[in-house]
Amino acid sequence: MLNFIFEIADSIDLDLTPLIVKRLCMRLFGRSGSQDIIVATFGQKGRQHRSRDNTPAILDEIASRYRLAAQSCQASTLSDIESVKKHYQTGIRAVRNREK
């Protein structure tokens, strides 16, 4: 999710803050993501001003523009996760069978 958000930000010069990232993740993926990771990645110590991009209208427009690409990205990621799980489980079964 965050890689996708980075790509969006680079392409449209988005002023990313943890709140914007959380709201975009929710609009694009239906999930808010890990607050700890989002703050560690996008938080800026001592930042005083609010992002110019933190309005519902702007976030809704961004989400509608990138929704299909986000869904494709999410489907690909979930497929990759499933593939890794299957490969891992196959490896575990092989080790257990050798131990018998």
PDB file of N, CA and C in Angstrom:
ATOM      1  N   MET A   1       0.825  -1.193   0.000  1.00  0.00           N
ATOM      2  CA  MET A   1       0.000   0.000   0.000  1.00  0.00           C
ATOM      3  C   MET A   1       0.869   1.257   0.000  1.00  0.00           C
ATOM      4  N   LEU A   2       1.889   1.242   0.846  1.00  0.00           N
ATOM      5  CA  LEU A   2       2.700   2.456   0.963  1.00  0.00           C
ATOM      6  C   LEU A   2       3.509   2.725  -0.296  1.00  0.00           C
ATOM      7  N   ASN A   3       3.992   1.674  -0.954  1.00  0.00           N
ATOM      8  CA  ASN A   3       4.704   1.893  -2.220  1.00  0.00           C
ATOM      9  C   ASN A   3       3.793   2.560  -3.238  1.00  0.00           C
ATOM     10  N   PHE A   4       2.559   2.130  -3.280  1.00  0.00           N
ATOM     11  CA  PHE A   4       1.590   2.725  -4.201  1.00  0.00           C
ATOM     12  C   PHE A   4       1.364   4.197  -3.855  1.00  0.00           C
ATOM     13  N   ILE A   5       1.242   4.498  -2.570  1.00  0.00           N
ATOM     14  CA  ILE A   5       1.059   5.889  -2.126  1.00  0.00           C
ATOM     15  C   ILE A   5       2.273   6.732  -2.517  1.00  0.00           C
ATOM     16  N   PHE A   6       3.482   6.173  -2.366  1.00  0.00           N
ATOM     17  CA  PHE A   6       4.689   6.894  -2.785  1.00  0.00           C
ATOM     18  C   PHE A   6       4.641   7.209  -4.279  1.00  0.00           C
ATOM     19  N   GLU A   7       4.216   6.251  -5.087  1.00  0.00           N
ATOM     20  CA  GLU A   7       4.131   6.475  -6.533  1.00  0.00           C
ATOM     21  C   GLU A   7       3.148   7.594  -6.864  1.00  0.00           C
ATOM     22  N   ILE A   8       2.010   7.591  -6.195  1.00  0.00           N
ATOM     23  CA  ILE A   8       1.031   8.663  -6.408  1.00  0.00           C
ATOM     24  C   ILE A   8       1.645  10.005  -6.029  1.00  0.00           C
ATOM     25  N   ALA A   9       2.250  10.053  -4.860  1.00  0.00           N
ATOM     26  CA  ALA A   9       2.817  11.308  -4.355  1.00  0.00           C
ATOM     27  C   ALA A   9       3.856  11.868  -5.320  1.00  0.00           C
ATOM     28  N   ASP A  10       4.695  10.985  -5.864  1.00  0.00           N
ATOM     29  CA  ASP A  10       5.710  11.442  -6.814  1.00  0.00           C
ATOM     30  C   ASP A  10       5.086  11.985  -8.094  1.00  0.00           C
ATOM     31  N   SER A  11       4.025  11.346  -8.550  1.00  0.00           N
ATOM     32  CA  SER A  11       3.453  11.749  -9.834  1.00  0.00           C
ATOM     33  C   SER A  11       2.639  13.039  -9.755  1.00  0.00           C
ATOM     34  N   ILE A  12       2.090  13.363  -8.573  1.00  0.00           N
ATOM     35  CA  ILE A  12       1.243  14.565  -8.483  1.00  0.00           C
ATOM     36  C   ILE A  12       1.731  15.567  -7.436  1.00  0.00           C
ATOM     37  N   ASP A  13       2.947  15.379  -6.940  1.00  0.00           N
ATOM     38  CA  ASP A  13       3.525  16.296  -5.951  1.00  0.00           C
ATOM     39  C   ASP A  13       2.615  16.452  -4.728  1.00  0.00           C
ATOM     40  N   LEU A  14       2.274  15.327  -4.139  1.00  0.00           N
ATOM     41  CA  LEU A  14       1.391  15.292  -2.981  1.00  0.00           C
ATOM     42  C   LEU A  14       2.192  15.545  -1.707  1.00  0.00           C
ATOM     43  N   ASP A  15       1.691  16.418  -0.845  1.00  0.00           N
ATOM     44  CA  ASP A  15       2.320  16.724   0.445  1.00  0.00           C
ATOM     45  C   ASP A  15       1.859  15.670   1.454  1.00  0.00           C
ATOM     46  N   LEU A  16       2.675  14.637   1.638  1.00  0.00           N
ATOM     47  CA  LEU A  16       2.273  13.507   2.472  1.00  0.00           C
ATOM     48  C   LEU A  16       2.498  13.762   3.954  1.00  0.00           C
ATOM     49  N   THR A  17       1.466  13.502   4.719  1.00  0.00           N
ATOM     50  CA  THR A  17       1.534  13.473   6.178  1.00  0.00           C
ATOM     51  C   THR A  17       0.923  12.145   6.601  1.00  0.00           C
ATOM     52  N   PRO A  18       1.147  11.718   7.836  1.00  0.00           N
ATOM     53  CA  PRO A  18       0.531  10.462   8.276  1.00  0.00           C
ATOM     54  C   PRO A  18      -0.990  10.447   8.099  1.00  0.00           C
ATOM     55  N   LEU A  19      -1.643  11.561   8.365  1.00  0.00           N
ATOM     56  CA  LEU A  19      -3.095  11.606   8.241  1.00  0.00           C
ATOM     57  C   LEU A  19      -3.543  11.445   6.786  1.00  0.00           C
ATOM     58  N   ILE A  20      -2.852  12.089   5.870  1.00  0.00           N
ATOM     59  CA  ILE A  20      -3.194  11.959   4.451  1.00  0.00           C
ATOM     60  C   ILE A  20      -2.987  10.518   3.988  1.00  0.00           C
ATOM     61  N   VAL A  21      -1.879   9.916   4.393  1.00  0.00           N
ATOM     62  CA  VAL A  21      -1.600   8.538   3.996  1.00  0.00           C
ATOM     63  C   VAL A  21      -2.679   7.602   4.537  1.00  0.00           C
ATOM     64  N   LYS A  22      -3.037   7.788   5.796  1.00  0.00           N
ATOM     65  CA  LYS A  22      -4.078   6.952   6.402  1.00  0.00           C
ATOM     66  C   LYS A  22      -5.405   7.109   5.655  1.00  0.00           C
ATOM     67  N   ARG A  23      -5.765   8.333   5.345  1.00  0.00           N
ATOM     68  CA  ARG A  23      -7.029   8.581   4.646  1.00  0.00           C
ATOM     69  C   ARG A  23      -7.008   8.040   3.217  1.00  0.00           C
ATOM     70  N   LEU A  24      -5.884   8.185   2.529  1.00  0.00           N
ATOM     71  CA  LEU A  24      -5.784   7.635   1.175  1.00  0.00           C
ATOM     72  C   LEU A  24      -5.823   6.110   1.194  1.00  0.00           C
ATOM     73  N   CYS A  25      -5.142   5.503   2.143  1.00  0.00           N
ATOM     74  CA  CYS A  25      -5.180   4.040   2.254  1.00  0.00           C
ATOM     75  C   CYS A  25      -6.608   3.562   2.470  1.00  0.00           C
ATOM     76  N   MET A  26      -7.335   4.260   3.305  1.00  0.00           N
ATOM     77  CA  MET A  26      -8.720   3.880   3.569  1.00  0.00           C
ATOM     78  C   MET A  26      -9.571   4.044   2.311  1.00  0.00           C
ATOM     79  N   ARG A  27      -9.378   5.130   1.595  1.00  0.00           N
ATOM     80  CA  ARG A  27     -10.172   5.365   0.384  1.00  0.00           C
ATOM     81  C   ARG A  27      -9.799   4.401  -0.747  1.00  0.00           C
ATOM     82  N   LEU A  28      -8.520   4.079  -0.854  1.00  0.00           N
ATOM     83  CA  LEU A  28      -8.062   3.253  -1.971  1.00  0.00           C
ATOM     84  C   LEU A  28      -8.128   1.753  -1.692  1.00  0.00           C
ATOM     85  N   PHE A  29      -7.829   1.365  -0.451  1.00  0.00           N
ATOM     86  CA  PHE A  29      -7.692  -0.053  -0.136  1.00  0.00           C
ATOM     87  C   PHE A  29      -8.703  -0.562   0.890  1.00  0.00           C
ATOM     88  N   GLY A  30      -9.477   0.343   1.482  1.00  0.00           N
ATOM     89  CA  GLY A  30     -10.426  -0.075   2.502  1.00  0.00           C
ATOM     90  C   GLY A  30      -9.763  -0.450   3.810  1.00  0.00           C
ATOM     91  N   ARG A  31      -8.527  -0.037   3.990  1.00  0.00           N
ATOM     92  CA  ARG A  31      -7.756  -0.312   5.204  1.00  0.00           C
ATOM     93  C   ARG A  31      -6.952   0.932   5.545  1.00  0.00           C
ATOM     94  N   SER A  32      -6.704   1.125   6.826  1.00  0.00           N
ATOM     95  CA  SER A  32      -5.949   2.314   7.219  1.00  0.00           C
ATOM     96  C   SER A  32      -4.449   2.055   7.278  1.00  0.00           C
ATOM     97  N   GLY A  33      -4.033   0.813   7.296  1.00  0.00           N
ATOM     98  CA  GLY A  33      -2.615   0.505   7.387  1.00  0.00           C
ATOM     99  C   GLY A  33      -2.123   0.593   8.819  1.00  0.00           C
ATOM    100  N   SER A  34      -0.871   0.265   9.021  1.00  0.00           N
ATOM    101  CA  SER A  34      -0.266   0.288  10.347  1.00  0.00           C
ATOM    102  C   SER A  34       0.079   1.724  10.740  1.00  0.00           C
ATOM    103  N   GLN A  35      -0.531   2.187  11.797  1.00  0.00           N
ATOM    104  CA  GLN A  35      -0.288   3.557  12.263  1.00  0.00           C
ATOM    105  C   GLN A  35       1.186   3.763  12.605  1.00  0.00           C
ATOM    106  N   ASP A  36       1.810   2.774  13.244  1.00  0.00           N
ATOM    107  CA  ASP A  36       3.222   2.899  13.611  1.00  0.00           C
ATOM    108  C   ASP A  36       4.108   3.068  12.381  1.00  0.00           C
ATOM    109  N   ILE A  37       3.865   2.261  11.360  1.00  0.00           N
ATOM    110  CA  ILE A  37       4.671   2.347  10.142  1.00  0.00           C
ATOM    111  C   ILE A  37       4.413   3.662   9.417  1.00  0.00           C
ATOM    112  N   ILE A  38       3.158   4.061   9.348  1.00  0.00           N
ATOM    113  CA  ILE A  38       2.813   5.309   8.662  1.00  0.00           C
ATOM    114  C   ILE A  38       3.466   6.506   9.345  1.00  0.00           C
ATOM    115  N   VAL A  39       3.387   6.569  10.664  1.00  0.00           N
ATOM    116  CA  VAL A  39       3.990   7.697  11.393  1.00  0.00           C
ATOM    117  C   VAL A  39       5.509   7.668  11.258  1.00  0.00           C
ATOM    118  N   ALA A  40       6.109   6.476  11.369  1.00  0.00           N
ATOM    119  CA  ALA A  40       7.568   6.375  11.242  1.00  0.00           C
ATOM    120  C   ALA A  40       8.039   6.787   9.849  1.00  0.00           C
ATOM    121  N   THR A  41       7.240   6.481   8.843  1.00  0.00           N
ATOM    122  CA  THR A  41       7.632   6.763   7.464  1.00  0.00           C
ATOM    123  C   THR A  41       7.322   8.193   7.036  1.00  0.00           C
ATOM    124  N   PHE A  42       6.164   8.709   7.438  1.00  0.00           N
ATOM    125  CA  PHE A  42       5.703   9.993   6.914  1.00  0.00           C
ATOM    126  C   PHE A  42       5.674  11.117   7.942  1.00  0.00           C
ATOM    127  N   GLY A  43       5.889  10.792   9.200  1.00  0.00           N
ATOM    128  CA  GLY A  43       5.879  11.827  10.225  1.00  0.00           C
ATOM    129  C   GLY A  43       7.120  12.702  10.148  1.00  0.00           C
ATOM    130  N   GLN A  44       6.954  13.958  10.460  1.00  0.00           N
ATOM    131  CA  GLN A  44       8.077  14.902  10.463  1.00  0.00           C
ATOM    132  C   GLN A  44       8.101  15.594  11.813  1.00  0.00           C
ATOM    133  N   LYS A  45       9.140  15.325  12.568  1.00  0.00           N
ATOM    134  CA  LYS A  45       9.253  15.912  13.893  1.00  0.00           C
ATOM    135  C   LYS A  45       9.272  17.436  13.796  1.00  0.00           C
ATOM    136  N   GLY A  46       8.436  18.058  14.597  1.00  0.00           N
ATOM    137  CA  GLY A  46       8.391  19.513  14.646  1.00  0.00           C
ATOM    138  C   GLY A  46       7.545  20.168  13.565  1.00  0.00           C
ATOM    139  N   ARG A  47       6.909  19.380  12.735  1.00  0.00           N
ATOM    140  CA  ARG A  47       6.083  19.971  11.678  1.00  0.00           C
ATOM    141  C   ARG A  47       4.922  20.720  12.315  1.00  0.00           C
ATOM    142  N   GLN A  48       4.693  21.949  11.896  1.00  0.00           N
ATOM    143  CA  GLN A  48       3.665  22.800  12.477  1.00  0.00           C
ATOM    144  C   GLN A  48       2.449  22.974  11.575  1.00  0.00           C
ATOM    145  N   HIS A  49       2.667  22.976  10.288  1.00  0.00           N
ATOM    146  CA  HIS A  49       1.571  23.310   9.372  1.00  0.00           C
ATOM    147  C   HIS A  49       0.866  22.059   8.849  1.00  0.00           C
ATOM    148  N   ARG A  50      -0.384  22.239   8.558  1.00  0.00           N
ATOM    149  CA  ARG A  50      -1.212  21.179   7.999  1.00  0.00           C
ATOM    150  C   ARG A  50      -0.941  21.079   6.495  1.00  0.00           C
ATOM    151  N   SER A  51      -1.075  19.885   5.960  1.00  0.00           N
ATOM    152  CA  SER A  51      -0.849  19.685   4.532  1.00  0.00           C
ATOM    153  C   SER A  51      -1.904  20.416   3.712  1.00  0.00           C
ATOM    154  N   ARG A  52      -1.465  21.017   2.628  1.00  0.00           N
ATOM    155  CA  ARG A  52      -2.385  21.704   1.724  1.00  0.00           C
ATOM    156  C   ARG A  52      -3.306  20.721   1.014  1.00  0.00           C
ATOM    157  N   ASP A  53      -2.935  19.441   1.010  1.00  0.00           N
ATOM    158  CA  ASP A  53      -3.711  18.418   0.308  1.00  0.00           C
ATOM    159  C   ASP A  53      -4.715  17.700   1.206  1.00  0.00           C
ATOM    160  N   ASN A  54      -4.810  18.121   2.461  1.00  0.00           N
ATOM    161  CA  ASN A  54      -5.651  17.412   3.426  1.00  0.00           C
ATOM    162  C   ASN A  54      -7.083  17.938   3.433  1.00  0.00           C
ATOM    163  N   THR A  55      -7.758  17.806   2.302  1.00  0.00           N
ATOM    164  CA  THR A  55      -9.178  18.161   2.237  1.00  0.00           C
ATOM    165  C   THR A  55      -9.928  16.970   1.647  1.00  0.00           C
ATOM    166  N   PRO A  56     -11.154  16.753   2.087  1.00  0.00           N
ATOM    167  CA  PRO A  56     -11.921  15.627   1.534  1.00  0.00           C
ATOM    168  C   PRO A  56     -12.047  15.685   0.011  1.00  0.00           C
ATOM    169  N   ALA A  57     -12.235  16.865  -0.544  1.00  0.00           N
ATOM    170  CA  ALA A  57     -12.395  16.987  -1.997  1.00  0.00           C
ATOM    171  C   ALA A  57     -11.137  16.530  -2.738  1.00  0.00           C
ATOM    172  N   ILE A  58      -9.979  16.965  -2.273  1.00  0.00           N
ATOM    173  CA  ILE A  58      -8.720  16.573  -2.921  1.00  0.00           C
ATOM    174  C   ILE A  58      -8.489  15.076  -2.769  1.00  0.00           C
ATOM    175  N   LEU A  59      -8.683  14.557  -1.563  1.00  0.00           N
ATOM    176  CA  LEU A  59      -8.458  13.132  -1.325  1.00  0.00           C
ATOM    177  C   LEU A  59      -9.435  12.266  -2.122  1.00  0.00           C
ATOM    178  N   ASP A  60     -10.683  12.697  -2.215  1.00  0.00           N
ATOM    179  CA  ASP A  60     -11.667  11.954  -3.013  1.00  0.00           C
ATOM    180  C   ASP A  60     -11.294  11.957  -4.492  1.00  0.00           C
ATOM    181  N   GLU A  61     -10.815  13.089  -4.981  1.00  0.00           N
ATOM    182  CA  GLU A  61     -10.417  13.189  -6.390  1.00  0.00           C
ATOM    183  C   GLU A  61      -9.219  12.281  -6.672  1.00  0.00           C
ATOM    184  N   ILE A  62      -8.246  12.275  -5.773  1.00  0.00           N
ATOM    185  CA  ILE A  62      -7.076  11.405  -5.932  1.00  0.00           C
ATOM    186  C   ILE A  62      -7.513   9.942  -5.907  1.00  0.00           C
ATOM    187  N   ALA A  63      -8.365   9.606  -4.952  1.00  0.00           N
ATOM    188  CA  ALA A  63      -8.830   8.220  -4.826  1.00  0.00           C
ATOM    189  C   ALA A  63      -9.585   7.773  -6.073  1.00  0.00           C
ATOM    190  N   SER A  64     -10.436   8.626  -6.600  1.00  0.00           N
ATOM    191  CA  SER A  64     -11.192   8.224  -7.794  1.00  0.00           C
ATOM    192  C   SER A  64     -10.270   8.072  -9.000  1.00  0.00           C
ATOM    193  N   ARG A  65      -9.248   8.902  -9.083  1.00  0.00           N
ATOM    194  CA  ARG A  65      -8.314   8.832 -10.206  1.00  0.00           C
ATOM    195  C   ARG A  65      -7.463   7.559 -10.165  1.00  0.00           C
ATOM    196  N   TYR A  66      -7.094   7.112  -8.965  1.00  0.00           N
ATOM    197  CA  TYR A  66      -6.164   5.988  -8.831  1.00  0.00           C
ATOM    198  C   TYR A  66      -6.814   4.700  -8.315  1.00  0.00           C
ATOM    199  N   ARG A  67      -8.116   4.672  -8.153  1.00  0.00           N
ATOM    200  CA  ARG A  67      -8.797   3.505  -7.558  1.00  0.00           C
ATOM    201  C   ARG A  67      -8.542   2.206  -8.330  1.00  0.00           C
ATOM    202  N   LEU A  68      -8.682   2.221  -9.639  1.00  0.00           N
ATOM    203  CA  LEU A  68      -8.477   0.996 -10.422  1.00  0.00           C
ATOM    204  C   LEU A  68      -7.042   0.492 -10.314  1.00  0.00           C
ATOM    205  N   ALA A  69      -6.089   1.388 -10.385  1.00  0.00           N
ATOM    206  CA  ALA A  69      -4.689   0.991 -10.241  1.00  0.00           C
ATOM    207  C   ALA A  69      -4.425   0.449  -8.838  1.00  0.00           C
ATOM    208  N   ALA A  70      -5.056   1.040  -7.832  1.00  0.00           N
ATOM    209  CA  ALA A  70      -4.892   0.570  -6.452  1.00  0.00           C
ATOM    210  C   ALA A  70      -5.460  -0.831  -6.292  1.00  0.00           C
ATOM    211  N   GLN A  71      -6.616  -1.082  -6.888  1.00  0.00           N
ATOM    212  CA  GLN A  71      -7.219  -2.413  -6.803  1.00  0.00           C
ATOM    213  C   GLN A  71      -6.336  -3.450  -7.487  1.00  0.00           C
ATOM    214  N   SER A  72      -5.759  -3.086  -8.612  1.00  0.00           N
ATOM    215  CA  SER A  72      -4.848  -3.991  -9.315  1.00  0.00           C
ATOM    216  C   SER A  72      -3.606  -4.268  -8.474  1.00  0.00           C
ATOM    217  N   CYS A  73      -3.061  -3.234  -7.876  1.00  0.00           N
ATOM    218  CA  CYS A  73      -1.887  -3.368  -7.007  1.00  0.00           C
ATOM    219  C   CYS A  73      -2.206  -4.273  -5.817  1.00  0.00           C
ATOM    220  N   GLN A  74      -3.358  -4.059  -5.210  1.00  0.00           N
ATOM    221  CA  GLN A  74      -3.753  -4.853  -4.054  1.00  0.00           C
ATOM    222  C   GLN A  74      -3.964  -6.316  -4.448  1.00  0.00           C
ATOM    223  N   ALA A  75      -4.604  -6.567  -5.573  1.00  0.00           N
ATOM    224  CA  ALA A  75      -4.823  -7.938  -6.032  1.00  0.00           C
ATOM    225  C   ALA A  75      -3.496  -8.639  -6.302  1.00  0.00           C
ATOM    226  N   SER A  76      -2.567  -7.931  -6.912  1.00  0.00           N
ATOM    227  CA  SER A  76      -1.248  -8.492  -7.185  1.00  0.00           C
ATOM    228  C   SER A  76      -0.510  -8.811  -5.889  1.00  0.00           C
ATOM    229  N   THR A  77      -0.586  -7.905  -4.933  1.00  0.00           N
ATOM    230  CA  THR A  77       0.069  -8.118  -3.641  1.00  0.00           C
ATOM    231  C   THR A  77      -0.527  -9.317  -2.922  1.00  0.00           C
ATOM    232  N   LEU A  78      -1.850  -9.423  -2.903  1.00  0.00           N
ATOM    233  CA  LEU A  78      -2.504 -10.555  -2.245  1.00  0.00           C
ATOM    234  C   LEU A  78      -2.150 -11.869  -2.938  1.00  0.00           C
ATOM    235  N   SER A  79      -2.042 -11.849  -4.249  1.00  0.00           N
ATOM    236  CA  SER A  79      -1.633 -13.038  -4.993  1.00  0.00           C
ATOM    237  C   SER A  79      -0.203 -13.438  -4.633  1.00  0.00           C
ATOM    238  N   ASP A  80       0.686 -12.456  -4.540  1.00  0.00           N
ATOM    239  CA  ASP A  80       2.069 -12.728  -4.142  1.00  0.00           C
ATOM    240  C   ASP A  80       2.132 -13.323  -2.740  1.00  0.00           C
ATOM    241  N   ILE A  81       1.341 -12.786  -1.829  1.00  0.00           N
ATOM    242  CA  ILE A  81       1.311 -13.293  -0.454  1.00  0.00           C
ATOM    243  C   ILE A  81       0.844 -14.745  -0.450  1.00  0.00           C
ATOM    244  N   GLU A  82      -0.199 -15.034  -1.204  1.00  0.00           N
ATOM    245  CA  GLU A  82      -0.730 -16.404  -1.265  1.00  0.00           C
ATOM    246  C   GLU A  82       0.310 -17.358  -1.840  1.00  0.00           C
ATOM    247  N   SER A  83       1.032 -16.923  -2.855  1.00  0.00           N
ATOM    248  CA  SER A  83       2.075 -17.746  -3.460  1.00  0.00           C
ATOM    249  C   SER A  83       3.193 -18.042  -2.460  1.00  0.00           C
ATOM    250  N   VAL A  84       3.604 -17.044  -1.720  1.00  0.00           N
ATOM    251  CA  VAL A  84       4.651 -17.230  -0.710  1.00  0.00           C
ATOM    252  C   VAL A  84       4.170 -18.186   0.376  1.00  0.00           C
ATOM    253  N   LYS A  85       2.923 -18.036   0.806  1.00  0.00           N
ATOM    254  CA  LYS A  85       2.361 -18.938   1.822  1.00  0.00           C
ATOM    255  C   LYS A  85       2.394 -20.391   1.350  1.00  0.00           C
ATOM    256  N   LYS A  86       1.952 -20.616   0.113  1.00  0.00           N
ATOM    257  CA  LYS A  86       1.930 -21.976  -0.421  1.00  0.00           C
ATOM    258  C   LYS A  86       3.334 -22.552  -0.504  1.00  0.00           C
ATOM    259  N   HIS A  87       4.281 -21.749  -0.980  1.00  0.00           N
ATOM    260  CA  HIS A  87       5.668 -22.195  -1.081  1.00  0.00           C
ATOM    261  C   HIS A  87       6.229 -22.516   0.307  1.00  0.00           C
ATOM    262  N   TYR A  88       5.946 -21.680   1.270  1.00  0.00           N
ATOM    263  CA  TYR A  88       6.404 -21.891   2.643  1.00  0.00           C
ATOM    264  C   TYR A  88       5.799 -23.177   3.210  1.00  0.00           C
ATOM    265  N   GLN A  89       4.495 -23.370   3.023  1.00  0.00           N
ATOM    266  CA  GLN A  89       3.824 -24.565   3.543  1.00  0.00           C
ATOM    267  C   GLN A  89       4.369 -25.832   2.890  1.00  0.00           C
ATOM    268  N   THR A  90       4.661 -25.777   1.610  1.00  0.00           N
ATOM    269  CA  THR A  90       5.258 -26.918   0.917  1.00  0.00           C
ATOM    270  C   THR A  90       6.616 -27.246   1.519  1.00  0.00           C
ATOM    271  N   GLY A  91       7.407 -26.231   1.796  1.00  0.00           N
ATOM    272  CA  GLY A  91       8.713 -26.436   2.423  1.00  0.00           C
ATOM    273  C   GLY A  91       8.596 -27.039   3.812  1.00  0.00           C
ATOM    274  N   ILE A  92       7.646 -26.575   4.590  1.00  0.00           N
ATOM    275  CA  ILE A  92       7.430 -27.107   5.942  1.00  0.00           C
ATOM    276  C   ILE A  92       7.029 -28.577   5.862  1.00  0.00           C
ATOM    277  N   ARG A  93       6.114 -28.910   4.955  1.00  0.00           N
ATOM    278  CA  ARG A  93       5.685 -30.307   4.795  1.00  0.00           C
ATOM    279  C   ARG A  93       6.860 -31.195   4.399  1.00  0.00           C
ATOM    280  N   ALA A  94       7.710 -30.698   3.511  1.00  0.00           N
ATOM    281  CA  ALA A  94       8.869 -31.479   3.073  1.00  0.00           C
ATOM    282  C   ALA A  94       9.808 -31.755   4.240  1.00  0.00           C
ATOM    283  N   VAL A  95      10.046 -30.765   5.071  1.00  0.00           N
ATOM    284  CA  VAL A  95      10.920 -30.944   6.240  1.00  0.00           C
ATOM    285  C   VAL A  95      10.301 -31.946   7.204  1.00  0.00           C
ATOM    286  N   ARG A  96       9.017 -31.838   7.449  1.00  0.00           N
ATOM    287  CA  ARG A  96       8.334 -32.771   8.370  1.00  0.00           C
ATOM    288  C   ARG A  96       8.371 -34.197   7.835  1.00  0.00           C
ATOM    289  N   ASN A  97       8.195 -34.353   6.538  1.00  0.00           N
ATOM    290  CA  ASN A  97       8.231 -35.691   5.946  1.00  0.00           C
ATOM    291  C   ASN A  97       9.620 -36.306   6.044  1.00  0.00           C
ATOM    292  N   ARG A  98      10.666 -35.503   5.926  1.00  0.00           N
ATOM    293  CA  ARG A  98      12.038 -36.004   6.066  1.00  0.00           C
ATOM    294  C   ARG A  98      12.333 -36.424   7.496  1.00  0.00           C
ATOM    295  N   GLU A  99      11.701 -35.745   8.457  1.00  0.00           N
ATOM    296  CA  GLU A  99      11.940 -36.052   9.868  1.00  0.00           C
ATOM    297  C   GLU A  99      11.272 -37.354  10.289  1.00  0.00           C
ATOM    298  N   LYS A 100      10.294 -37.811   9.550  1.00  0.00           N
ATOM    299  CA  LYS A 100       9.562 -39.037   9.920  1.00  0.00           C
ATOM    300  C   LYS A 100      10.356 -40.272   9.691  1.00  0.00           C
TER     301      LYS A 100
END
